[in-house]
Every structure is written in structure tokens, then in C-alpha cells.
């Protein structure tokens, strides 16, 4: 690609869509990544960045569109980086994501073909998010931009409404945008978080505010601190909970340790599946307080929660247990499991792992490490928690091989 200048315009044939949500083409034998395209399309693009092994490009025009291409629901498509698949038929999006997960497990996890669950689609591809975070622009005043960061991670794109968000959130956003005092008082870069629950309606808040909300789930009411993690697509989360509960009922462990437990959602599932002793671990103090409240709310005295780091919590939780009768539930952040955590799992050897992940690339990486520790995938599958975006949730069950 030495004959291509940094601002050079090129013609590309798109070979594939790869995680996370970019088209893949080849130019002079080198891979080019480009957003906003679909396999089989011929496009005109401009090279924006060149690295040793790949290049990146921006889309200028689609010369021959794919029959799977649709008109994006969002007028800001192409400017906002969030909806990588806004231009793709939703049924095809689900197939693309499943194929990407299979490829990641094969290439990063060295797992050719584990037992698969049917992919779980979202009931609706738009209007599902119960939480969004917007940021204020750098120019203060009554017209301060309020929206998502653009592709450069610096410019704030003004968002009148987000098609992914619940209608109630967009209604609140519209009212706040008309409030001159609110817009004028925004600090440059300040995050404004919006959340909706069936019980509380739509709420907007600044990070320093402390509010407890009530989510309505398939397990019943769950109390959640407004700033703490919770699943953003409740119908898909409910199916994930039901499937996890089914796994737990089949395994029938004597004890479960729920690492990265948050407000205790999966701990509640384990308790309701008749696991006698459940320990939840998280470093978020507010979430742990809510988890304890949730255990009382659901009359599950066998649930215990501790505020600890993942490593300390794993040692505290697994050391006194019979590993052959123990289930470890994992729901880590996008970065996946730290090396220390996999080493501790290999040391304590719990019989079963239920790994919930929002990042299939780090899950695939961790699956390789767990395989070296003696674990095999019993089943896995995707849950499309984040339609139109490149992300998706997965549930993978591991069993220790004797």
C-alpha cells in the first residue's frame, strides 16, 4: 500500500464484517477496515490511517449496495459511531454476530465447534436501551451540544434523540434540551446519565447524585443504584436469567460464588434455583448494599455479599468450599478476566463455570486460558443485548474435565 497516500481515495470490495462491526477489504494484499459497509459491496473510500499490518478508511460512497442494506433509522448514521449495523437488516445482523462469535472462539480460543445454543434475538432492534450516557460539548451556553462522542473520541455530536433509547428517555432528553438554564449550566465534557425503569419511569442525573431505582425482572423487583451496572435490554436479560437458572438447576451445586455480582441479579437466580449457599463479590460498595437489600426483599437468607476485589473475593469465596460441588458465576467487565483470576480458578478448580460476557473477543481469549486449566465448553450462545451496535452478550458453561 506504499502507493496510497494518507488521504488517497480507493475503490474497495468488501469481503466480510468482522468484530466489532467493521467491514473488511483488501488492497494490495493488506487488510483495510471500514465502517458502514456490507459484504459483497463495492465502495469508494478514503484511507485515513495506515499501520504496518492494516489500514483504516472512511466510506465516501456505495457503488453497488448489498440487498441486505436498509435505510438507517437514525439521521446521524455515519457521524455517530454507536450503530455499526443501523444499515443492515436485523435478521442478518443476528447471523453476522453469531458467525463472528464462532470465528473468535476458533481463532482466539482455539475451540473449533463447541455445543451451541440458538441465538436469542432482541424483541425489538430499536427503543430498547434503559440507560444511556451523554456528554456536554466544549462550548458552554444555551446551545451546548449534548450527545455521544464521535469517531475521534473528542467531538461531541449533538443528539436530539437516540433511536436505541427507550421513548421515555428521549422524552426526558427533549424536555432537558429545551431548558435553557440546564443547557447553560453544563460543564464541558460533563456526563449526563439517563435511566428508565418500569417502576420509576425516566430519570436523568449527574454522577454525583445518589439514587436507588427498582428494576422489574423475571425474578421480580431488583433494587439498583442508579450509577451501578445493570443490563440495558430487560427482555433479553430476562431470557438470559431464565437460561442461567436452567443451567444452575441442572448442575445442582451445593454452593455458588458470583464474581462481579453487581446488585446480585445472578445471585438471586442461584438462590431461587435452590442453591443452599451463594456468595456474591463486587468492589462497588453501593451495588453490594443493594444486593444485600435484594436478598432480604426476596427472602433468600442463604445469600451473602462482600465488597472485595475480584482476586481477594475469589480466594475468600472458594477456599472453604468443596470444589466438586461448586459453581462459579462470572460476569466481568469488557476487559474480561485478569490473568490472576484464571490462575486462581486453575488453583481452586470449581467443578463448573457460568461465564456471562459482553465482549466475545475477551471471552474467547479467556476460554483458551480456561482450556489450559482443564475446562471444556459444555454449551455457549449469544444474546443480542445491544441490537444495531457491534456488541452482544454471551453465556458460556464450562465444566472441569477430570
Protein backbone atom coordinates (compact mmCIF):
# COMPACT_ATOMS: atom_id res chain seq x y z
CA UNK A 1 0.00 0.00 0.00
CA UNK A 2 3.01 2.28 -0.29
CA UNK A 3 1.45 3.90 -3.39
CA UNK A 4 -1.59 5.03 -1.38
CA UNK A 5 -1.35 8.42 0.30
CA UNK A 6 -2.90 9.04 3.72
CA UNK A 7 -5.77 10.93 2.04
CA UNK A 8 -5.89 8.66 -1.00
CA UNK A 9 -9.27 7.68 -2.46
CA UNK A 10 -9.58 3.99 -3.31
CA UNK A 11 -12.15 1.53 -4.61
CA UNK A 12 -12.77 -1.47 -2.35
CA UNK A 13 -14.68 -4.73 -2.50
CA UNK A 14 -15.99 -5.68 0.95
CA UNK A 15 -15.23 -9.29 1.84
CA UNK A 16 -16.66 -9.59 5.38
CA UNK A 17 -17.99 -7.93 8.52
CA UNK A 18 -15.68 -8.54 11.47
CA UNK A 19 -15.97 -7.84 15.17
CA UNK A 20 -16.52 -5.14 16.34
CA UNK A 21 -18.70 -4.07 13.44
CA UNK A 22 -16.26 -3.10 10.69
CA UNK A 23 -16.12 -4.11 7.06
CA UNK A 24 -13.01 -5.91 5.85
CA UNK A 25 -11.48 -5.37 2.43
CA UNK A 26 -8.05 -5.99 0.92
CA UNK A 27 -5.90 -3.57 -1.03
CA UNK A 28 -2.53 -4.53 -2.43
CA UNK A 29 -2.55 -7.58 -0.15
CA UNK A 30 -3.20 -5.59 3.00
CA UNK A 31 -6.34 -5.59 5.16
CA UNK A 32 -8.43 -2.42 5.20
CA UNK A 33 -11.08 -1.85 7.88
CA UNK A 34 -14.01 0.40 7.02
CA UNK A 35 -17.30 1.17 8.84
CA UNK A 36 -20.75 1.46 7.31
CA UNK A 37 -20.39 -1.24 4.65
CA UNK A 38 -21.67 -4.77 3.99
CA UNK A 39 -20.15 -7.92 2.46
CA UNK A 40 -20.33 -8.03 -1.32
CA UNK A 41 -20.50 -4.26 -1.73
CA UNK A 42 -18.17 -2.20 -3.89
CA UNK A 43 -17.44 1.17 -2.31
CA UNK A 44 -15.36 4.28 -2.72
CA UNK A 45 -13.37 5.14 0.40
CA UNK A 46 -10.56 7.33 1.64
CA UNK A 47 -7.62 5.86 3.55
CA UNK A 48 -7.41 7.66 6.90
CA UNK A 49 -4.71 5.71 8.71
CA UNK A 50 -2.01 3.25 7.75
CA UNK A 51 -0.33 0.80 10.11
CA UNK A 52 2.20 -1.93 9.48
CA UNK A 53 -0.33 -4.73 9.00
CA UNK A 54 -3.57 -2.92 8.16
CA UNK A 55 -5.17 0.35 7.17
CA UNK A 56 -8.38 2.17 8.08
CA UNK A 57 -10.68 4.02 5.72
CA UNK A 58 -13.81 6.18 5.74
CA UNK A 59 -16.73 5.47 3.45
CA UNK A 60 -17.36 8.01 0.68
CA UNK A 61 -19.94 6.22 -1.48
CA UNK A 62 -21.53 2.80 -2.01
CA UNK A 63 -21.30 1.93 -5.69
CA UNK A 64 -23.11 -1.42 -5.56
CA UNK A 65 -25.24 -1.88 -2.41
CA UNK A 66 -25.96 -5.24 -0.80
CA UNK A 67 -29.58 -6.50 -0.90
CA UNK A 68 -29.28 -6.69 2.91
CA UNK A 69 -28.76 -2.91 3.15
CA UNK A 70 -31.57 -0.84 4.69
CA UNK A 71 -32.06 2.87 5.35
CA UNK A 72 -30.78 3.63 8.88
CA UNK A 73 -33.39 4.76 11.40
CA UNK A 74 -31.02 7.39 12.79
CA UNK A 75 -30.43 10.62 10.81
CA UNK A 76 -26.94 10.80 12.35
CA UNK A 77 -25.82 7.46 10.87
CA UNK A 78 -22.29 7.88 9.56
CA UNK A 79 -21.49 10.59 12.12
CA UNK A 80 -22.24 8.71 15.34
CA UNK A 81 -20.12 5.57 15.83
CA UNK A 82 -22.64 3.74 18.02
CA UNK A 83 -24.88 1.97 15.48
CA UNK A 84 -22.44 -0.06 13.39
CA UNK A 85 -25.32 -2.13 11.97
CA UNK A 86 -28.01 0.52 11.52
CA UNK A 87 -27.82 -0.06 7.76
CA UNK A 88 -28.19 -3.87 7.99
CA UNK A 89 -31.37 -5.98 8.05
CA UNK A 90 -31.81 -7.13 11.67
CA UNK A 91 -32.15 -10.85 10.92
CA UNK A 92 -28.89 -10.67 9.01
CA UNK A 93 -27.28 -8.74 11.89
CA UNK A 94 -28.03 -11.63 14.22
CA UNK A 95 -26.47 -14.11 11.78
CA UNK A 96 -23.41 -11.89 11.40
CA UNK A 97 -22.91 -11.69 15.16
CA UNK A 98 -23.21 -15.45 15.60
CA UNK A 99 -20.67 -16.02 12.84
CA UNK A 100 -18.31 -13.51 14.42
CA UNK A 101 -18.55 -15.29 17.77
CA UNK A 102 -17.81 -18.64 16.15
CA UNK A 103 -14.80 -17.13 14.38
CA UNK A 104 -13.48 -15.57 17.60
CA UNK A 105 -13.79 -18.85 19.51
CA UNK A 106 -11.99 -20.67 16.73
CA UNK A 107 -9.19 -18.12 16.19
CA UNK A 108 -8.61 -16.77 19.74
CA UNK A 109 -9.97 -19.62 21.84
CA UNK A 110 -8.70 -22.47 19.63
CA UNK A 111 -12.15 -24.05 20.07
CA UNK A 112 -13.42 -25.24 16.69
CA UNK A 113 -17.04 -26.14 17.36
CA UNK A 114 -18.50 -26.18 20.89
CA UNK A 115 -22.16 -27.10 21.52
CA UNK A 116 -24.26 -24.08 20.51
CA UNK A 117 -27.49 -22.63 21.89
CA UNK A 118 -29.83 -20.94 19.44
CA UNK A 119 -29.07 -17.19 19.31
CA UNK A 120 -31.52 -15.06 21.29
CA UNK A 121 -32.71 -12.00 19.35
CA UNK A 122 -33.96 -8.80 20.88
CA UNK A 123 -37.77 -8.47 20.59
CA UNK A 124 -37.17 -5.02 19.10
CA UNK A 125 -33.98 -3.67 17.47
CA UNK A 126 -34.70 -0.05 18.49
CA UNK A 127 -36.08 1.72 21.56
CA UNK A 128 -34.75 -0.92 23.96
CA UNK A 129 -31.96 0.76 25.95
CA UNK A 130 -32.95 1.60 29.53
CA UNK A 131 -29.74 3.58 30.08
CA UNK A 132 -27.64 5.98 28.02
CA UNK A 133 -24.79 8.37 28.87
CA UNK A 134 -24.45 11.64 27.00
CA UNK A 135 -21.70 14.25 27.31
CA UNK A 136 -21.73 18.03 27.13
CA UNK A 137 -19.78 19.73 24.37
CA UNK A 138 -16.86 22.08 24.92
CA UNK A 139 -18.70 25.33 24.05
CA UNK A 140 -20.78 26.35 27.11
CA UNK A 141 -24.05 28.24 26.71
CA UNK A 142 -27.75 27.75 25.88
CA UNK A 143 -26.86 25.81 22.72
CA UNK A 144 -24.30 23.48 24.32
CA UNK A 145 -24.12 20.20 22.42
CA UNK A 146 -25.33 17.19 24.40
CA UNK A 147 -24.66 13.80 22.86
CA UNK A 148 -22.23 10.99 22.12
CA UNK A 149 -18.57 11.30 21.24
CA UNK A 150 -17.77 10.97 17.55
CA UNK A 151 -15.25 8.75 15.82
CA UNK A 152 -12.39 10.96 17.06
CA UNK A 153 -13.41 10.39 20.73
CA UNK A 154 -13.24 14.16 21.25
CA UNK A 155 -16.04 15.86 19.32
CA UNK A 156 -19.49 15.67 20.92
CA UNK A 157 -22.24 15.01 18.37
CA UNK A 158 -25.43 16.77 19.40
CA UNK A 159 -28.16 14.13 19.85
CA UNK A 160 -31.77 15.39 19.82
CA UNK A 161 -32.93 11.79 20.34
CA UNK A 162 -31.31 8.33 20.28
CA UNK A 163 -33.27 5.64 18.39
CA UNK A 164 -31.74 2.97 20.66
CA UNK A 165 -33.08 4.58 23.85
CA UNK A 166 -36.45 3.96 25.43
CA UNK A 167 -39.06 6.52 24.25
CA UNK A 168 -39.39 7.71 27.84
CA UNK A 169 -35.68 8.60 27.92
CA UNK A 170 -35.96 10.51 24.67
CA UNK A 171 -38.95 12.38 26.07
CA UNK A 172 -36.95 13.45 29.13
CA UNK A 173 -34.00 14.38 26.93
CA UNK A 174 -36.24 16.60 24.78
CA UNK A 175 -37.51 18.43 27.88
CA UNK A 176 -34.00 18.99 29.21
CA UNK A 177 -32.78 20.27 25.85
CA UNK A 178 -35.48 22.96 25.98
CA UNK A 179 -34.36 24.02 29.48
CA UNK A 180 -32.01 26.96 28.88
CA UNK A 181 -30.82 27.00 32.48
CA UNK A 182 -29.90 23.30 32.29
CA UNK A 183 -28.03 23.69 28.99
CA UNK A 184 -26.16 26.78 30.18
CA UNK A 185 -25.09 25.04 33.40
CA UNK A 186 -23.45 22.09 31.67
CA UNK A 187 -19.71 21.77 32.17
CA UNK A 188 -17.57 20.85 29.13
CA UNK A 189 -17.32 17.07 28.87
CA UNK A 190 -19.73 16.52 31.79
CA UNK A 191 -21.54 13.18 31.60
CA UNK A 192 -25.33 13.21 31.96
CA UNK A 193 -26.81 9.78 32.56
CA UNK A 194 -30.37 8.78 31.70
CA UNK A 195 -32.10 5.69 33.01
CA UNK A 196 -35.59 4.22 32.76
CA UNK A 197 -37.28 1.53 34.82
CA UNK A 198 -40.84 0.31 34.69
CA UNK A 199 -41.24 1.23 38.35
CA UNK A 200 -39.59 4.67 38.32
CA UNK A 201 -40.01 5.99 34.80
CA UNK A 202 -37.24 8.07 33.17
CA UNK A 203 -34.63 9.79 35.32
CA UNK A 204 -31.68 11.97 34.34
CA UNK A 205 -28.86 12.73 36.73
CA UNK A 206 -25.34 13.94 37.21
CA UNK A 207 -22.81 11.43 38.51
CA UNK A 208 -22.55 12.90 41.98
CA UNK A 209 -26.22 12.23 42.71
CA UNK A 210 -27.09 9.01 44.57
CA UNK A 211 -30.44 7.43 43.72
CA UNK A 212 -31.77 3.89 44.06
CA UNK A 213 -34.08 2.56 41.34
CA UNK A 214 -36.25 -0.55 41.09
CA UNK A 215 -35.91 -2.79 38.03
CA UNK A 216 -38.70 -5.25 37.18
CA UNK A 217 -37.20 -8.54 36.01
CA UNK A 218 -38.28 -12.14 35.52
CA UNK A 219 -37.03 -12.72 39.09
CA UNK A 220 -39.21 -9.91 40.45
CA UNK A 221 -38.19 -6.49 41.73
CA UNK A 222 -34.46 -5.74 41.96
CA UNK A 223 -33.06 -2.63 43.63
CA UNK A 224 -30.19 -0.99 41.71
CA UNK A 225 -28.11 2.13 42.44
CA UNK A 226 -28.66 4.49 39.55
CA UNK A 227 -24.95 4.64 38.66
CA UNK A 228 -24.23 0.93 39.05
CA UNK A 229 -24.14 -1.63 36.26
CA UNK A 230 -27.35 -3.30 35.15
CA UNK A 231 -28.39 -4.93 31.87
CA UNK A 232 -29.72 -2.37 29.37
CA UNK A 233 -32.19 -4.60 27.49
CA UNK A 234 -34.59 -6.13 30.02
CA UNK A 235 -36.41 -8.64 27.74
CA UNK A 236 -33.11 -10.15 26.57
CA UNK A 237 -31.73 -10.04 30.12
CA UNK A 238 -34.80 -11.93 31.32
CA UNK A 239 -34.15 -14.72 28.82
CA UNK A 240 -30.52 -14.83 29.91
CA UNK A 241 -31.65 -15.14 33.53
CA UNK A 242 -34.07 -17.95 32.65
CA UNK A 243 -31.39 -19.84 30.77
CA UNK A 244 -28.84 -19.37 33.54
CA UNK A 245 -31.42 -20.54 36.09
CA UNK A 246 -31.96 -23.65 33.96
CA UNK A 247 -28.22 -24.33 33.88
CA UNK A 248 -27.98 -23.94 37.65
CA UNK A 249 -30.94 -26.27 38.23
CA UNK A 250 -29.31 -28.94 36.05
CA UNK A 251 -25.92 -28.62 37.78
CA UNK A 252 -27.41 -28.62 41.30
CA UNK A 253 -24.29 -27.20 43.03
CA UNK A 254 -24.03 -27.13 46.80
CA UNK A 255 -22.58 -23.60 46.63
CA UNK A 256 -22.12 -20.80 44.13
CA UNK A 257 -19.72 -17.85 44.04
CA UNK A 258 -20.95 -14.92 41.94
CA UNK A 259 -17.90 -12.85 40.96
CA UNK A 260 -18.57 -9.28 39.73
CA UNK A 261 -22.07 -9.68 41.19
CA UNK A 262 -23.24 -6.06 40.97
CA UNK A 263 -26.67 -5.74 42.58
CA UNK A 264 -26.93 -9.51 42.88
CA UNK A 265 -29.11 -10.42 39.89
CA UNK A 266 -27.39 -13.74 39.15
CA UNK A 267 -27.01 -14.47 42.86
CA UNK A 268 -30.79 -14.15 43.15
CA UNK A 269 -31.16 -16.57 40.24
CA UNK A 270 -28.90 -19.08 42.02
CA UNK A 271 -30.79 -18.67 45.29
CA UNK A 272 -34.16 -19.15 43.58
CA UNK A 273 -32.72 -22.25 41.85
CA UNK A 274 -32.28 -23.74 45.35
CA UNK A 275 -28.51 -23.36 45.71
CA UNK A 276 -28.06 -23.58 49.51
CA UNK A 277 -25.16 -21.12 49.83
CA UNK A 278 -24.43 -18.22 47.46
CA UNK A 279 -21.65 -15.66 47.87
CA UNK A 280 -21.64 -12.50 45.73
CA UNK A 281 -18.45 -10.46 45.30
CA UNK A 282 -18.08 -6.94 43.90
CA UNK A 283 -15.93 -3.89 44.58
CA UNK A 284 -18.87 -1.49 44.01
CA UNK A 285 -19.98 -0.74 47.59
CA UNK A 286 -23.32 0.76 46.55
CA UNK A 287 -24.12 -2.29 44.42
CA UNK A 288 -23.23 -4.67 47.26
CA UNK A 289 -25.50 -2.76 49.64
CA UNK A 290 -28.30 -3.08 47.09
CA UNK A 291 -27.55 -6.81 46.67
CA UNK A 292 -27.97 -7.36 50.40
CA UNK A 293 -31.26 -5.47 50.28
CA UNK A 294 -32.37 -7.61 47.32
CA UNK A 295 -31.61 -10.83 49.22
CA UNK A 296 -33.84 -9.63 52.06
CA UNK A 297 -36.52 -8.49 49.62
CA UNK A 298 -36.65 -11.97 48.08
CA UNK A 299 -36.35 -13.79 51.43
CA UNK A 300 -33.14 -15.61 50.48
CA UNK A 301 -31.11 -15.89 53.71
CA UNK A 302 -28.56 -18.18 52.04
CA UNK A 303 -27.18 -15.25 50.02
CA UNK A 304 -24.10 -13.40 51.33
CA UNK A 305 -22.37 -10.42 49.72
CA UNK A 306 -18.93 -8.93 50.28
CA UNK A 307 -17.17 -5.82 48.97
CA UNK A 308 -13.82 -7.14 47.74
CA UNK A 309 -11.61 -7.08 44.67
CA UNK A 310 -12.11 -9.97 42.27
CA UNK A 311 -8.88 -11.71 43.28
CA UNK A 312 -9.39 -11.33 47.02
CA UNK A 313 -13.04 -12.27 46.68
CA UNK A 314 -12.26 -15.42 44.75
CA UNK A 315 -9.76 -16.59 47.35
CA UNK A 316 -12.18 -15.71 50.16
CA UNK A 317 -15.09 -17.45 48.47
CA UNK A 318 -13.57 -20.60 47.02
CA UNK A 319 -11.06 -21.60 49.73
CA UNK A 320 -13.58 -23.13 52.18
CA UNK A 321 -15.75 -24.87 49.55
CA UNK A 322 -15.75 -28.37 48.11
CA UNK A 323 -14.65 -27.65 44.53
CA UNK A 324 -16.55 -30.65 43.17
CA UNK A 325 -19.83 -29.12 44.42
CA UNK A 326 -19.15 -25.50 43.47
CA UNK A 327 -20.40 -23.28 40.63
CA UNK A 328 -18.51 -20.09 39.81
CA UNK A 329 -20.57 -17.40 38.06
CA UNK A 330 -18.51 -14.83 36.15
CA UNK A 331 -19.77 -11.56 34.66
CA UNK A 332 -16.62 -9.45 34.25
CA UNK A 333 -16.29 -6.05 32.59
CA UNK A 334 -15.43 -5.83 28.90
CA UNK A 335 -11.72 -6.38 29.58
CA UNK A 336 -12.52 -9.95 30.65
CA UNK A 337 -10.74 -11.97 33.32
CA UNK A 338 -7.40 -10.85 34.69
CA UNK A 339 -4.59 -13.39 34.48
CA UNK A 340 -4.71 -13.72 38.28
CA UNK A 341 -8.37 -14.81 38.13
CA UNK A 342 -7.69 -17.62 35.66
CA UNK A 343 -4.73 -18.73 37.79
CA UNK A 344 -6.96 -18.82 40.90
CA UNK A 345 -9.62 -20.80 39.03
CA UNK A 346 -6.94 -23.29 37.99
CA UNK A 347 -5.77 -23.47 41.62
CA UNK A 348 -9.19 -23.97 43.30
CA UNK A 349 -10.76 -25.96 40.43
CA UNK A 350 -14.50 -25.34 40.89
CA UNK A 351 -16.43 -28.01 39.01
CA UNK A 352 -18.50 -25.64 36.86
CA UNK A 353 -18.28 -22.10 35.48
CA UNK A 354 -21.09 -19.98 34.05
CA UNK A 355 -19.41 -17.12 32.19
CA UNK A 356 -21.57 -14.17 31.07
CA UNK A 357 -19.72 -11.78 28.79
CA UNK A 358 -20.45 -8.60 26.83
CA UNK A 359 -17.13 -8.90 24.97
CA UNK A 360 -16.81 -12.06 22.83
CA UNK A 361 -13.18 -11.34 21.98
CA UNK A 362 -12.03 -11.38 25.61
CA UNK A 363 -14.34 -14.33 26.34
CA UNK A 364 -12.66 -16.27 23.52
CA UNK A 365 -9.22 -15.33 24.88
CA UNK A 366 -10.25 -16.43 28.38
CA UNK A 367 -11.71 -19.67 27.01
CA UNK A 368 -8.24 -20.58 25.76
CA UNK A 369 -6.79 -19.94 29.23
CA UNK A 370 -9.54 -21.95 30.89
CA UNK A 371 -8.99 -24.81 28.44
CA UNK A 372 -5.35 -24.94 29.54
CA UNK A 373 -6.61 -25.13 33.14
CA UNK A 374 -8.69 -28.20 32.27
CA UNK A 375 -12.09 -26.70 31.43
CA UNK A 376 -14.21 -27.59 28.41
CA UNK A 377 -17.17 -25.66 27.00
CA UNK A 378 -20.42 -27.55 27.62
CA UNK A 379 -22.58 -25.03 25.73
CA UNK A 380 -22.48 -21.43 24.57
CA UNK A 381 -24.62 -18.95 22.70
CA UNK A 382 -25.28 -15.28 22.00
CA UNK A 383 -27.92 -12.96 23.43
CA UNK A 384 -28.39 -9.85 21.32
CA UNK A 385 -28.50 -7.39 24.19
CA UNK A 386 -27.35 -4.48 22.01
CA UNK A 387 -29.05 -4.50 18.57
CA UNK A 388 -27.71 -2.16 15.88
CA UNK A 389 -24.40 -1.94 17.77
CA UNK A 390 -21.37 -4.22 17.30
CA UNK A 391 -21.73 -5.66 20.81
CA UNK A 392 -23.61 -8.70 22.05
CA UNK A 393 -23.86 -10.78 25.23
CA UNK A 394 -22.88 -14.44 25.58
CA UNK A 395 -23.46 -17.20 28.12
CA UNK A 396 -20.89 -20.00 28.18
CA UNK A 397 -20.93 -23.00 30.53
CA UNK A 398 -17.60 -24.65 31.32
CA UNK A 399 -17.05 -27.99 33.08
CA UNK A 400 -13.80 -29.17 34.65
CA UNK A 401 -12.53 -32.34 32.98
CA UNK A 402 -11.36 -34.96 35.47
